Structure formats: C-alpha cells, structure tokens
Amino acid sequence: MADYRKTDEAVAALTPEQYRVTQLSGTERPGTGALLNNKEPGIYVDIVSGEPLFASSDKFESGCGWPSFTKPIELANVSELRDATHGMIRTEVRSANGDSHLGHVFPDGPIDKGGLRYCINSASLRFVHRDDMEAEGYGAYLDQVEEVA
C-alpha cells in the first residue's frame, strides 16, 4: 500500500497557484485549468500526496469551466465537508490523506452516472497517463481507465 501523505517537500514544490488552491482553499479562474480539456486516458492524483482521485473514464464535459468527474476512484481518498463560504451552502471536496482542497461536488451531474458533478481545480491535480501508471505505482487502477473516444 502506497503512503499517500502531505510532506513539507511536496508543499514546497507547489507553484503559487497550486499552493493557493490546495492549501488556502482557493479556486482557479474558470476555463484556465491545464487539465480542463485533457482527453487522454489515465488517472488524476492529488498534486501534494499523490493519492489517486479520479479516472479519465469518469471525466465529462460539464461546461462549468473546471474539470468535472462523476465519481472518485475510491471514496476513501476523498473527504466531503460542508462549506458555507461565499454566501451559499456547498460541499467542499478535499483529498483524504493530503488534505488538499480539490473543489466542490454538486448534484447536477449526468443522471445515468449517479447524478453528481465533482467540479475540481486543475491546480490540485496531477495527471498520470495510462502508459505511465504501472511505472508510477498506479497499476491497480488500470482497469478503471479505458480508451477515451
């Protein structure tokens, strides 16, 4: 079992934008995230801890301006917290081990896939291409990554 955790070294390696989003619960501007239009097969992991969060097979185009997913790879790797900031009640999504702010989950996703939309900041994610998953220790998740049309 991999040791997914937040380290001082990992936090120190973050760009200012990655730090603002993951450590200060910031939000990147809509439409600006590097992974928004990524359609390659693979998984998305926490930029800080490396824990696996989302699979390319669960990514969909929601039109909201941030990468959107129907579900996490493993529910245990994602914490959902009540967020009452900005004058609204939302559900914040954080990585369970790295405690990185990822984004929010909303009940307006595709009904046939469970109805949820995990709206996630690109700055909190690192994409691992299917071809690199085994070498980087994510081989156990290859069955969740299929060819993306």
N, C-alpha and C. Protein backbone atom coordinates (compact mmCIF):
# COMPACT_ATOMS: atom_id res chain seq x y z
N MET A 1 0.85 -1.19 0.00
CA MET A 1 0.00 0.00 0.00
C MET A 1 0.89 1.24 0.00
N ALA A 2 0.61 2.11 -0.90
CA ALA A 2 1.40 3.34 -1.01
C ALA A 2 1.12 4.26 0.18
N ASP A 3 2.08 5.08 0.47
CA ASP A 3 1.98 6.02 1.58
C ASP A 3 1.64 7.40 1.03
N TYR A 4 0.36 7.69 0.94
CA TYR A 4 -0.08 8.98 0.42
C TYR A 4 -0.22 9.95 1.57
N ARG A 5 0.63 10.96 1.60
CA ARG A 5 0.53 11.94 2.68
C ARG A 5 1.12 13.27 2.22
N LYS A 6 0.80 14.27 2.96
CA LYS A 6 1.31 15.62 2.71
C LYS A 6 2.68 15.73 3.36
N THR A 7 3.67 16.18 2.59
CA THR A 7 5.00 16.40 3.15
C THR A 7 5.40 17.86 2.92
N ASP A 8 6.31 18.33 3.75
CA ASP A 8 6.81 19.70 3.59
C ASP A 8 7.44 19.87 2.21
N GLU A 9 8.15 18.83 1.74
CA GLU A 9 8.80 18.89 0.44
C GLU A 9 7.78 19.04 -0.69
N ALA A 10 6.70 18.27 -0.60
CA ALA A 10 5.66 18.33 -1.64
C ALA A 10 5.00 19.71 -1.66
N VAL A 11 4.72 20.26 -0.49
CA VAL A 11 4.10 21.59 -0.42
C VAL A 11 5.07 22.65 -0.95
N ALA A 12 6.35 22.52 -0.61
CA ALA A 12 7.35 23.49 -1.07
C ALA A 12 7.52 23.48 -2.58
N ALA A 13 7.22 22.34 -3.22
CA ALA A 13 7.38 22.20 -4.67
C ALA A 13 6.20 22.77 -5.46
N LEU A 14 5.13 23.16 -4.78
CA LEU A 14 3.95 23.67 -5.47
C LEU A 14 4.22 25.04 -6.09
N THR A 15 3.56 25.29 -7.23
CA THR A 15 3.60 26.63 -7.81
C THR A 15 2.73 27.53 -6.93
N PRO A 16 2.85 28.85 -7.05
CA PRO A 16 1.98 29.73 -6.26
C PRO A 16 0.49 29.44 -6.46
N GLU A 17 0.08 29.15 -7.67
CA GLU A 17 -1.33 28.85 -7.94
C GLU A 17 -1.74 27.53 -7.30
N GLN A 18 -0.90 26.51 -7.41
CA GLN A 18 -1.21 25.22 -6.78
C GLN A 18 -1.30 25.37 -5.27
N TYR A 19 -0.42 26.17 -4.68
CA TYR A 19 -0.43 26.40 -3.24
C TYR A 19 -1.72 27.13 -2.84
N ARG A 20 -2.06 28.17 -3.58
CA ARG A 20 -3.27 28.96 -3.27
C ARG A 20 -4.51 28.08 -3.30
N VAL A 21 -4.61 27.22 -4.30
CA VAL A 21 -5.79 26.36 -4.44
C VAL A 21 -5.80 25.26 -3.38
N THR A 22 -4.71 24.49 -3.27
CA THR A 22 -4.72 23.31 -2.39
C THR A 22 -4.60 23.63 -0.91
N GLN A 23 -3.78 24.63 -0.57
CA GLN A 23 -3.50 24.90 0.85
C GLN A 23 -4.36 26.02 1.42
N LEU A 24 -4.82 26.93 0.56
CA LEU A 24 -5.62 28.07 1.04
C LEU A 24 -7.07 28.01 0.56
N SER A 25 -7.48 26.84 0.04
CA SER A 25 -8.84 26.60 -0.46
C SER A 25 -9.26 27.62 -1.51
N GLY A 26 -8.33 27.94 -2.40
CA GLY A 26 -8.63 28.87 -3.48
C GLY A 26 -9.33 28.18 -4.64
N THR A 27 -9.67 28.97 -5.65
CA THR A 27 -10.30 28.44 -6.86
C THR A 27 -9.63 29.09 -8.06
N GLU A 28 -9.23 28.26 -9.02
CA GLU A 28 -8.66 28.83 -10.24
C GLU A 28 -9.76 29.47 -11.07
N ARG A 29 -9.40 30.42 -11.90
CA ARG A 29 -10.39 31.07 -12.75
C ARG A 29 -10.99 30.05 -13.71
N PRO A 30 -12.31 30.09 -13.94
CA PRO A 30 -12.92 29.11 -14.85
C PRO A 30 -12.32 29.20 -16.24
N GLY A 31 -12.15 28.04 -16.86
CA GLY A 31 -11.63 27.97 -18.21
C GLY A 31 -10.13 28.08 -18.34
N THR A 32 -9.41 28.19 -17.20
CA THR A 32 -7.96 28.40 -17.26
C THR A 32 -7.14 27.17 -16.89
N GLY A 33 -7.75 26.16 -16.32
CA GLY A 33 -7.02 25.00 -15.82
C GLY A 33 -6.37 24.19 -16.92
N ALA A 34 -5.14 23.76 -16.67
CA ALA A 34 -4.37 23.00 -17.66
C ALA A 34 -5.02 21.66 -18.02
N LEU A 35 -5.81 21.09 -17.13
CA LEU A 35 -6.39 19.77 -17.37
C LEU A 35 -7.84 19.82 -17.83
N LEU A 36 -8.38 21.02 -18.00
CA LEU A 36 -9.80 21.16 -18.36
C LEU A 36 -10.15 20.37 -19.62
N ASN A 37 -9.34 20.51 -20.65
CA ASN A 37 -9.66 19.87 -21.93
C ASN A 37 -8.86 18.60 -22.19
N ASN A 38 -8.22 18.06 -21.15
CA ASN A 38 -7.45 16.82 -21.30
C ASN A 38 -8.39 15.65 -21.57
N LYS A 39 -8.17 14.95 -22.68
CA LYS A 39 -9.00 13.80 -23.01
C LYS A 39 -8.17 12.52 -23.08
N GLU A 40 -6.93 12.57 -22.57
CA GLU A 40 -6.06 11.39 -22.58
C GLU A 40 -6.51 10.38 -21.52
N PRO A 41 -6.26 9.09 -21.75
CA PRO A 41 -6.61 8.07 -20.75
C PRO A 41 -5.59 8.05 -19.61
N GLY A 42 -6.09 7.97 -18.40
CA GLY A 42 -5.21 7.93 -17.23
C GLY A 42 -5.97 8.27 -15.97
N ILE A 43 -5.22 8.61 -14.93
CA ILE A 43 -5.86 8.99 -13.67
C ILE A 43 -5.34 10.35 -13.21
N TYR A 44 -6.13 10.95 -12.36
CA TYR A 44 -5.81 12.25 -11.77
C TYR A 44 -5.53 12.02 -10.31
N VAL A 45 -4.34 12.46 -9.86
CA VAL A 45 -3.92 12.24 -8.47
C VAL A 45 -3.71 13.58 -7.78
N ASP A 46 -3.73 13.56 -6.46
CA ASP A 46 -3.50 14.76 -5.65
C ASP A 46 -2.10 15.29 -5.94
N ILE A 47 -1.99 16.56 -6.28
CA ILE A 47 -0.71 17.19 -6.60
C ILE A 47 0.25 17.15 -5.40
N VAL A 48 -0.30 17.08 -4.18
CA VAL A 48 0.52 17.07 -2.97
C VAL A 48 0.85 15.65 -2.51
N SER A 49 -0.15 14.82 -2.32
CA SER A 49 0.07 13.49 -1.72
C SER A 49 0.23 12.37 -2.74
N GLY A 50 -0.24 12.58 -3.96
CA GLY A 50 -0.18 11.54 -4.97
C GLY A 50 -1.30 10.53 -4.89
N GLU A 51 -2.21 10.70 -3.92
CA GLU A 51 -3.28 9.70 -3.81
C GLU A 51 -4.19 9.77 -5.04
N PRO A 52 -4.62 8.60 -5.55
CA PRO A 52 -5.47 8.56 -6.73
C PRO A 52 -6.86 9.11 -6.43
N LEU A 53 -7.32 10.02 -7.27
CA LEU A 53 -8.59 10.69 -7.02
C LEU A 53 -9.66 10.41 -8.06
N PHE A 54 -9.32 10.60 -9.33
CA PHE A 54 -10.33 10.47 -10.39
C PHE A 54 -9.74 9.76 -11.60
N ALA A 55 -10.60 9.06 -12.35
CA ALA A 55 -10.18 8.36 -13.56
C ALA A 55 -10.70 9.10 -14.79
N SER A 56 -9.93 9.01 -15.87
CA SER A 56 -10.34 9.66 -17.12
C SER A 56 -11.69 9.13 -17.60
N SER A 57 -12.00 7.87 -17.29
CA SER A 57 -13.27 7.29 -17.73
C SER A 57 -14.48 7.93 -17.04
N ASP A 58 -14.24 8.65 -15.94
CA ASP A 58 -15.33 9.32 -15.21
C ASP A 58 -15.35 10.83 -15.46
N LYS A 59 -14.48 11.32 -16.35
CA LYS A 59 -14.42 12.75 -16.67
C LYS A 59 -15.46 13.06 -17.74
N PHE A 60 -16.12 14.20 -17.62
CA PHE A 60 -17.09 14.59 -18.64
C PHE A 60 -17.07 16.11 -18.82
N GLU A 61 -17.59 16.54 -19.94
CA GLU A 61 -17.63 17.97 -20.26
C GLU A 61 -18.92 18.55 -19.67
N SER A 62 -18.78 19.35 -18.61
CA SER A 62 -19.97 19.90 -17.95
C SER A 62 -20.25 21.32 -18.39
N GLY A 63 -19.25 21.98 -18.99
CA GLY A 63 -19.43 23.36 -19.41
C GLY A 63 -19.25 24.36 -18.28
N CYS A 64 -18.82 23.90 -17.09
CA CYS A 64 -18.70 24.80 -15.93
C CYS A 64 -17.36 25.55 -15.89
N GLY A 65 -16.39 25.11 -16.69
CA GLY A 65 -15.10 25.80 -16.69
C GLY A 65 -14.02 25.13 -15.87
N TRP A 66 -14.35 24.00 -15.24
CA TRP A 66 -13.38 23.22 -14.46
C TRP A 66 -13.52 21.76 -14.87
N PRO A 67 -12.46 20.96 -14.70
CA PRO A 67 -12.60 19.53 -14.95
C PRO A 67 -13.72 18.95 -14.07
N SER A 68 -14.56 18.12 -14.67
CA SER A 68 -15.69 17.54 -13.95
C SER A 68 -15.66 16.02 -14.05
N PHE A 69 -15.99 15.38 -12.94
CA PHE A 69 -15.97 13.92 -12.86
C PHE A 69 -17.26 13.45 -12.21
N THR A 70 -17.71 12.23 -12.56
CA THR A 70 -18.95 11.71 -12.00
C THR A 70 -18.74 11.05 -10.63
N LYS A 71 -17.49 10.60 -10.37
CA LYS A 71 -17.22 9.95 -9.07
C LYS A 71 -15.72 9.84 -8.85
N PRO A 72 -15.31 9.72 -7.59
CA PRO A 72 -13.89 9.49 -7.30
C PRO A 72 -13.52 8.04 -7.61
N ILE A 73 -12.22 7.79 -7.80
CA ILE A 73 -11.74 6.41 -8.00
C ILE A 73 -12.05 5.58 -6.76
N GLU A 74 -11.72 6.14 -5.58
CA GLU A 74 -12.00 5.47 -4.32
C GLU A 74 -12.58 6.51 -3.36
N LEU A 75 -13.77 6.25 -2.89
CA LEU A 75 -14.41 7.20 -1.97
C LEU A 75 -13.55 7.49 -0.75
N ALA A 76 -12.77 6.51 -0.32
CA ALA A 76 -11.93 6.69 0.88
C ALA A 76 -10.87 7.76 0.68
N ASN A 77 -10.53 8.09 -0.56
CA ASN A 77 -9.49 9.09 -0.82
C ASN A 77 -10.03 10.52 -0.89
N VAL A 78 -11.35 10.66 -0.74
CA VAL A 78 -11.97 11.98 -0.86
C VAL A 78 -12.80 12.28 0.38
N SER A 79 -12.61 13.46 0.95
CA SER A 79 -13.42 13.91 2.08
C SER A 79 -14.38 14.98 1.58
N GLU A 80 -15.61 14.92 2.05
CA GLU A 80 -16.60 15.93 1.68
C GLU A 80 -17.01 16.69 2.93
N LEU A 81 -16.89 18.02 2.86
CA LEU A 81 -17.15 18.87 4.02
C LEU A 81 -18.14 19.97 3.66
N ARG A 82 -18.96 20.35 4.63
CA ARG A 82 -19.90 21.45 4.42
C ARG A 82 -19.13 22.75 4.30
N ASP A 83 -19.45 23.53 3.28
CA ASP A 83 -18.78 24.80 3.01
C ASP A 83 -19.83 25.89 2.94
N ALA A 84 -19.83 26.79 3.91
CA ALA A 84 -20.82 27.86 3.96
C ALA A 84 -20.24 29.22 3.57
N THR A 85 -19.08 29.21 2.89
CA THR A 85 -18.46 30.47 2.48
C THR A 85 -19.16 31.04 1.25
N HIS A 86 -18.87 32.28 0.95
CA HIS A 86 -19.38 32.96 -0.25
C HIS A 86 -20.91 33.02 -0.29
N GLY A 87 -21.55 33.00 0.88
CA GLY A 87 -23.00 33.18 0.95
C GLY A 87 -23.83 32.04 0.41
N MET A 88 -23.25 30.84 0.35
CA MET A 88 -24.01 29.68 -0.13
C MET A 88 -23.55 28.44 0.60
N ILE A 89 -24.38 27.42 0.55
CA ILE A 89 -24.03 26.14 1.16
C ILE A 89 -23.59 25.21 0.03
N ARG A 90 -22.34 24.76 0.14
CA ARG A 90 -21.81 23.84 -0.87
C ARG A 90 -21.13 22.69 -0.15
N THR A 91 -20.73 21.68 -0.91
CA THR A 91 -19.98 20.58 -0.35
C THR A 91 -18.57 20.63 -0.92
N GLU A 92 -17.62 20.95 -0.05
CA GLU A 92 -16.22 21.02 -0.45
C GLU A 92 -15.66 19.60 -0.58
N VAL A 93 -14.76 19.40 -1.54
CA VAL A 93 -14.09 18.12 -1.73
C VAL A 93 -12.60 18.34 -1.44
N ARG A 94 -12.05 17.51 -0.54
CA ARG A 94 -10.63 17.55 -0.19
C ARG A 94 -10.07 16.14 -0.33
N SER A 95 -8.77 16.05 -0.57
CA SER A 95 -8.13 14.73 -0.57
C SER A 95 -8.05 14.27 0.88
N ALA A 96 -8.34 13.00 1.10
CA ALA A 96 -8.41 12.47 2.47
C ALA A 96 -7.06 12.46 3.17
N ASN A 97 -6.00 12.08 2.47
CA ASN A 97 -4.69 11.97 3.10
C ASN A 97 -3.87 13.24 2.99
N GLY A 98 -3.89 13.88 1.84
CA GLY A 98 -3.11 15.10 1.62
C GLY A 98 -3.78 16.34 2.15
N ASP A 99 -5.10 16.27 2.42
CA ASP A 99 -5.90 17.40 2.91
C ASP A 99 -5.81 18.59 1.95
N SER A 100 -5.70 18.31 0.65
CA SER A 100 -5.69 19.38 -0.35
C SER A 100 -7.12 19.75 -0.70
N HIS A 101 -7.36 21.06 -0.84
CA HIS A 101 -8.65 21.50 -1.37
C HIS A 101 -8.67 21.13 -2.85
N LEU A 102 -9.71 20.41 -3.28
CA LEU A 102 -9.82 19.98 -4.67
C LEU A 102 -10.85 20.79 -5.43
N GLY A 103 -11.99 21.03 -4.80
CA GLY A 103 -13.09 21.73 -5.46
C GLY A 103 -14.37 21.47 -4.69
N HIS A 104 -15.47 21.29 -5.42
CA HIS A 104 -16.78 21.05 -4.81
C HIS A 104 -17.53 19.98 -5.59
N VAL A 105 -18.52 19.37 -4.92
CA VAL A 105 -19.37 18.39 -5.59
C VAL A 105 -20.79 18.94 -5.61
N PHE A 106 -21.45 18.79 -6.75
CA PHE A 106 -22.80 19.31 -6.95
C PHE A 106 -23.72 18.19 -7.44
N PRO A 107 -25.04 18.31 -7.15
CA PRO A 107 -25.97 17.25 -7.54
C PRO A 107 -26.54 17.44 -8.95
N ASP A 108 -25.77 17.98 -9.87
CA ASP A 108 -26.28 18.25 -11.21
C ASP A 108 -25.49 17.54 -12.31
N GLY A 109 -24.89 16.39 -11.96
CA GLY A 109 -24.13 15.62 -12.95
C GLY A 109 -25.04 14.73 -13.76
N PRO A 110 -24.46 13.93 -14.66
CA PRO A 110 -25.24 13.03 -15.51
C PRO A 110 -26.05 12.04 -14.66
N ILE A 111 -27.36 12.04 -14.85
CA ILE A 111 -28.25 11.18 -14.07
C ILE A 111 -27.88 9.71 -14.23
N ASP A 112 -27.53 9.29 -15.44
CA ASP A 112 -27.22 7.88 -15.69
C ASP A 112 -25.91 7.44 -15.06
N LYS A 113 -25.13 8.39 -14.53
CA LYS A 113 -23.86 8.04 -13.87
C LYS A 113 -23.90 8.40 -12.39
N GLY A 114 -25.07 8.55 -11.82
CA GLY A 114 -25.20 8.81 -10.39
C GLY A 114 -25.64 10.21 -10.03
N GLY A 115 -25.63 11.14 -11.00
CA GLY A 115 -26.15 12.48 -10.77
C GLY A 115 -25.23 13.47 -10.09
N LEU A 116 -23.95 13.09 -9.87
CA LEU A 116 -23.03 14.01 -9.21
C LEU A 116 -22.05 14.63 -10.19
N ARG A 117 -21.62 15.84 -9.88
CA ARG A 117 -20.58 16.52 -10.65
C ARG A 117 -19.50 16.98 -9.68
N TYR A 118 -18.37 16.30 -9.71
CA TYR A 118 -17.21 16.72 -8.93
C TYR A 118 -16.48 17.75 -9.76
N CYS A 119 -16.59 19.00 -9.35
CA CYS A 119 -16.02 20.15 -10.05
C CYS A 119 -14.66 20.43 -9.40
N ILE A 120 -13.57 20.10 -10.11
CA ILE A 120 -12.25 20.02 -9.49
C ILE A 120 -11.26 20.98 -10.16
N ASN A 121 -10.47 21.67 -9.35
CA ASN A 121 -9.44 22.57 -9.87
C ASN A 121 -8.29 21.79 -10.49
N SER A 122 -7.88 22.15 -11.69
CA SER A 122 -6.70 21.53 -12.32
C SER A 122 -5.47 21.69 -11.44
N ALA A 123 -5.37 22.83 -10.75
CA ALA A 123 -4.19 23.13 -9.94
C ALA A 123 -4.00 22.15 -8.79
N SER A 124 -5.04 21.42 -8.42
CA SER A 124 -4.91 20.46 -7.32
C SER A 124 -4.60 19.05 -7.82
N LEU A 125 -4.53 18.89 -9.14
CA LEU A 125 -4.35 17.56 -9.72
C LEU A 125 -3.05 17.41 -10.49
N ARG A 126 -2.58 16.17 -10.55
CA ARG A 126 -1.51 15.80 -11.47
C ARG A 126 -2.05 14.64 -12.28
N PHE A 127 -1.93 14.73 -13.60
CA PHE A 127 -2.42 13.67 -14.47
C PHE A 127 -1.33 12.64 -14.71
N VAL A 128 -1.69 11.36 -14.56
CA VAL A 128 -0.78 10.26 -14.85
C VAL A 128 -1.36 9.49 -16.02
N HIS A 129 -0.68 9.54 -17.17
CA HIS A 129 -1.16 8.86 -18.38
C HIS A 129 -1.19 7.35 -18.16
N ARG A 130 -2.16 6.71 -18.79
CA ARG A 130 -2.29 5.25 -18.67
C ARG A 130 -0.96 4.54 -18.93
N ASP A 131 -0.19 5.01 -19.90
CA ASP A 131 1.07 4.37 -20.25
C ASP A 131 2.11 4.45 -19.12
N ASP A 132 1.93 5.39 -18.19
CA ASP A 132 2.88 5.59 -17.09
C ASP A 132 2.37 5.08 -15.74
N MET A 133 1.12 4.63 -15.71
CA MET A 133 0.50 4.27 -14.43
C MET A 133 1.22 3.13 -13.71
N GLU A 134 1.58 2.08 -14.43
CA GLU A 134 2.26 0.94 -13.81
C GLU A 134 3.59 1.38 -13.21
N ALA A 135 4.37 2.12 -13.99
CA ALA A 135 5.70 2.56 -13.53
C ALA A 135 5.61 3.49 -12.33
N GLU A 136 4.53 4.27 -12.24
CA GLU A 136 4.39 5.23 -11.13
C GLU A 136 3.65 4.64 -9.93
N GLY A 137 3.33 3.35 -9.98
CA GLY A 137 2.71 2.70 -8.83
C GLY A 137 1.19 2.73 -8.81
N TYR A 138 0.58 3.02 -9.95
CA TYR A 138 -0.88 3.09 -10.01
C TYR A 138 -1.47 1.96 -10.85
N GLY A 139 -0.72 0.88 -11.05
CA GLY A 139 -1.16 -0.23 -11.88
C GLY A 139 -2.48 -0.84 -11.43
N ALA A 140 -2.77 -0.78 -10.14
CA ALA A 140 -4.02 -1.36 -9.62
C ALA A 140 -5.25 -0.66 -10.16
N TYR A 141 -5.07 0.53 -10.73
CA TYR A 141 -6.22 1.30 -11.22
C TYR A 141 -6.37 1.23 -12.73
N LEU A 142 -5.52 0.45 -13.41
CA LEU A 142 -5.59 0.37 -14.87
C LEU A 142 -6.96 -0.10 -15.36
N ASP A 143 -7.62 -0.95 -14.57
CA ASP A 143 -8.94 -1.45 -15.00
C ASP A 143 -10.01 -0.37 -14.99
N GLN A 144 -9.72 0.78 -14.39
CA GLN A 144 -10.69 1.87 -14.36
C GLN A 144 -10.43 2.91 -15.47
N VAL A 145 -9.43 2.64 -16.30
CA VAL A 145 -9.06 3.58 -17.35
C VAL A 145 -9.20 2.88 -18.70
N GLU A 146 -10.23 3.29 -19.46
CA GLU A 146 -10.40 2.67 -20.76
C GLU A 146 -10.06 3.66 -21.85
N GLU A 147 -10.09 3.21 -23.07
CA GLU A 147 -9.87 4.10 -24.20
C GLU A 147 -10.91 5.21 -24.14
N VAL A 148 -10.47 6.44 -24.27
CA VAL A 148 -11.40 7.56 -24.25
C VAL A 148 -11.62 7.99 -25.69
N ALA A 149 -12.87 8.01 -26.11
CA ALA A 149 -13.20 8.33 -27.51
C ALA A 149 -13.00 9.81 -27.78
